[in-house]
Protein backbone atom coordinates (compact mmCIF):
# COMPACT_ATOMS: atom_id res chain seq x y z
CA MET A 1 44.05 -11.12 -46.81
CA LEU A 2 44.91 -13.39 -43.97
CA GLU A 3 45.37 -16.34 -46.06
CA LYS A 4 49.18 -17.14 -46.73
CA ASN A 5 48.67 -19.49 -49.42
CA ILE A 6 46.50 -16.61 -51.43
CA LYS A 7 48.72 -13.92 -52.56
CA PRO A 8 46.65 -11.00 -53.71
CA THR A 9 47.28 -8.49 -56.24
CA ILE A 10 47.44 -4.69 -55.52
CA ASP A 11 44.05 -4.20 -57.03
CA GLU A 12 42.65 -6.98 -54.90
CA MET A 13 43.96 -4.99 -52.05
CA TYR A 14 42.44 -1.63 -53.46
CA ILE A 15 39.28 -3.37 -53.94
CA THR A 16 39.48 -4.44 -50.03
CA ILE A 17 40.00 -0.67 -48.67
CA GLY A 18 37.88 0.87 -50.83
CA GLU A 19 37.90 4.21 -52.73
CA GLY A 20 39.01 6.60 -49.88
CA GLY A 21 41.72 3.94 -48.86
CA VAL A 22 43.08 3.67 -52.20
CA LYS A 23 43.27 7.50 -52.23
CA HIS A 24 44.97 7.51 -49.11
CA TRP A 25 47.48 4.72 -50.28
CA ARG A 26 48.18 6.49 -53.51
CA MET A 27 49.04 9.94 -51.63
CA LEU A 28 51.84 7.65 -49.76
CA GLU A 29 52.99 6.04 -52.59
CA GLU A 30 53.39 9.31 -54.56
CA PHE A 31 55.22 10.68 -51.50
CA PHE A 32 57.69 8.01 -50.96
CA LYS A 33 58.26 8.01 -55.11
CA SER A 34 59.33 11.41 -54.89
CA SER A 35 61.16 11.46 -51.45
CA TYR A 36 63.11 7.93 -51.77
CA ASP A 37 64.66 5.45 -54.28
CA ILE A 38 61.68 3.38 -53.21
CA GLU A 39 61.19 -0.32 -53.90
CA SER A 40 57.83 -2.27 -52.85
CA GLU A 41 56.95 -5.70 -52.46
CA ILE A 42 54.06 -7.74 -51.56
CA CYS A 43 54.51 -9.82 -48.71
CA PHE A 44 53.32 -11.97 -45.66
CA PRO A 45 55.45 -10.44 -43.20
CA PHE A 46 54.02 -11.14 -39.45
CA GLY A 47 51.84 -14.21 -40.11
CA ASN A 48 48.21 -14.41 -39.57
CA ASN A 49 47.64 -11.24 -37.17
CA TYR A 50 48.61 -8.98 -40.19
CA GLY A 51 48.16 -10.91 -43.13
CA TRP A 52 49.11 -9.84 -46.55
CA GLY A 53 50.91 -6.21 -47.08
CA VAL A 54 53.30 -4.14 -49.25
CA ARG A 55 56.77 -3.75 -47.78
CA TYR A 56 58.29 -0.41 -48.52
CA LYS A 57 62.00 0.07 -48.28
CA HIS A 58 64.90 2.51 -49.56
CA LYS A 59 67.88 0.75 -50.10
CA SER A 60 67.91 -1.80 -47.29
CA LYS A 61 65.96 0.30 -44.94
CA THR A 62 62.51 -0.78 -44.31
CA LEU A 63 60.33 2.57 -44.07
CA CYS A 64 56.89 0.72 -43.20
CA TYR A 65 54.37 -1.96 -44.04
CA ILE A 66 51.03 -0.50 -45.46
CA PHE A 67 48.07 -3.39 -44.72
CA PRO A 68 44.91 -3.60 -46.39
CA GLU A 69 41.47 -3.45 -44.51
CA LYS A 70 38.11 -3.79 -45.16
CA GLY A 71 37.37 0.03 -45.87
CA ALA A 72 40.65 1.25 -44.72
CA LEU A 73 44.34 0.75 -44.34
CA THR A 74 47.07 0.52 -41.54
CA VAL A 75 50.46 1.90 -41.92
CA PHE A 76 52.74 -0.44 -39.81
CA PHE A 77 56.38 0.93 -38.67
CA GLN A 78 59.20 1.32 -35.97
CA ILE A 79 60.70 4.25 -34.65
CA GLY A 80 63.87 3.29 -33.34
CA LYS A 81 66.33 4.26 -30.71
CA ASN A 82 68.27 6.71 -32.99
CA GLU A 83 65.11 8.39 -34.17
CA VAL A 84 63.52 8.95 -30.49
CA ALA A 85 65.01 12.55 -29.79
CA LYS A 86 63.93 13.55 -33.32
CA MET A 87 60.17 12.39 -32.65
CA LEU A 88 60.03 13.71 -29.18
CA ASP A 89 60.97 17.44 -30.58
CA LYS A 90 58.49 16.85 -33.41
CA LEU A 91 55.38 15.39 -31.39
CA GLY A 92 53.99 18.76 -30.44
CA GLY A 93 53.62 19.44 -34.01
CA PHE A 94 51.59 16.36 -34.88
CA LEU A 95 47.84 15.86 -34.96
CA PRO A 96 46.45 14.67 -31.13
CA ARG A 97 45.54 11.11 -33.01
CA THR A 98 49.24 10.90 -34.11
CA ARG A 99 50.78 11.78 -30.71
CA GLU A 100 48.41 9.26 -29.08
CA ILE A 101 49.52 6.62 -31.55
CA TRP A 102 53.20 7.27 -30.13
CA GLU A 103 52.13 6.84 -26.82
CA THR A 104 50.37 3.72 -27.04
CA ARG A 105 52.94 2.25 -29.46
CA TYR A 106 54.20 -1.44 -29.07
CA PRO A 107 57.28 -0.66 -27.03
CA CYS A 108 60.53 -2.23 -28.41
CA GLY A 109 63.64 -0.65 -26.94
CA ASP A 110 63.75 3.24 -26.65
CA GLY A 111 61.28 3.46 -29.59
CA GLY A 112 58.20 1.18 -30.51
CA TRP A 113 56.16 0.13 -33.55
CA LEU A 114 53.28 2.27 -34.71
CA HIS A 115 49.97 1.12 -35.88
CA TYR A 116 48.37 3.96 -37.76
CA ARG A 117 45.08 3.44 -39.13
CA VAL A 118 44.16 5.92 -41.57
CA LEU A 119 41.02 7.60 -41.07
CA ASN A 120 41.20 10.71 -43.07
CA ALA A 121 43.51 12.70 -45.46
CA GLU A 122 44.94 15.06 -43.05
CA GLU A 123 46.97 11.94 -41.19
CA ILE A 124 48.57 11.36 -44.56
CA ASN A 125 50.91 14.70 -43.94
CA ASP A 126 51.88 13.26 -40.20
CA ILE A 127 52.50 9.57 -41.79
CA GLU A 128 54.73 11.75 -44.15
CA GLU A 129 56.75 13.57 -41.67
CA LEU A 130 57.12 10.27 -39.24
CA MET A 131 58.62 8.89 -42.36
CA LYS A 132 60.79 11.69 -42.75
CA ILE A 133 62.22 11.11 -39.21
CA LYS A 134 62.53 7.59 -39.53
CA LYS A 135 64.77 8.44 -42.81
CA ARG A 136 65.75 11.81 -44.51
CA PRO A 137 64.53 12.11 -47.94
CA VAL A 138 67.05 11.67 -50.51
CA ARG A 139 65.05 14.05 -52.75
CA VAL A 140 62.90 17.05 -51.84
């Protein structure tokens, strides 16, 4: 998934992440489709350190990127300065791991970039809530 000249298919990404990862990815996709006017595209956005992933966006706003890894997936997204207050209001309701990911985010202005390696299905709920902070759903 790190070779820029070899664009993978979604099925090849699914093979890489394994059955558990596919289940988590599909849960997120279902949330995106039911909540937003979602568009997705396979892309190579940040070079060899990240490789191929799928960008999810609502209109012109990127919600996140999902990067396949061997046996897992990572959801990569930014919480911007306009979203920090909402994030801090909800922080206490998140899983301890989600709070840790926020505290150790890659800083960017007042917010930052979060790398959320999905380890279990409970984390999907937190990721969905984080996406709602980033962009209020257009459908409920």
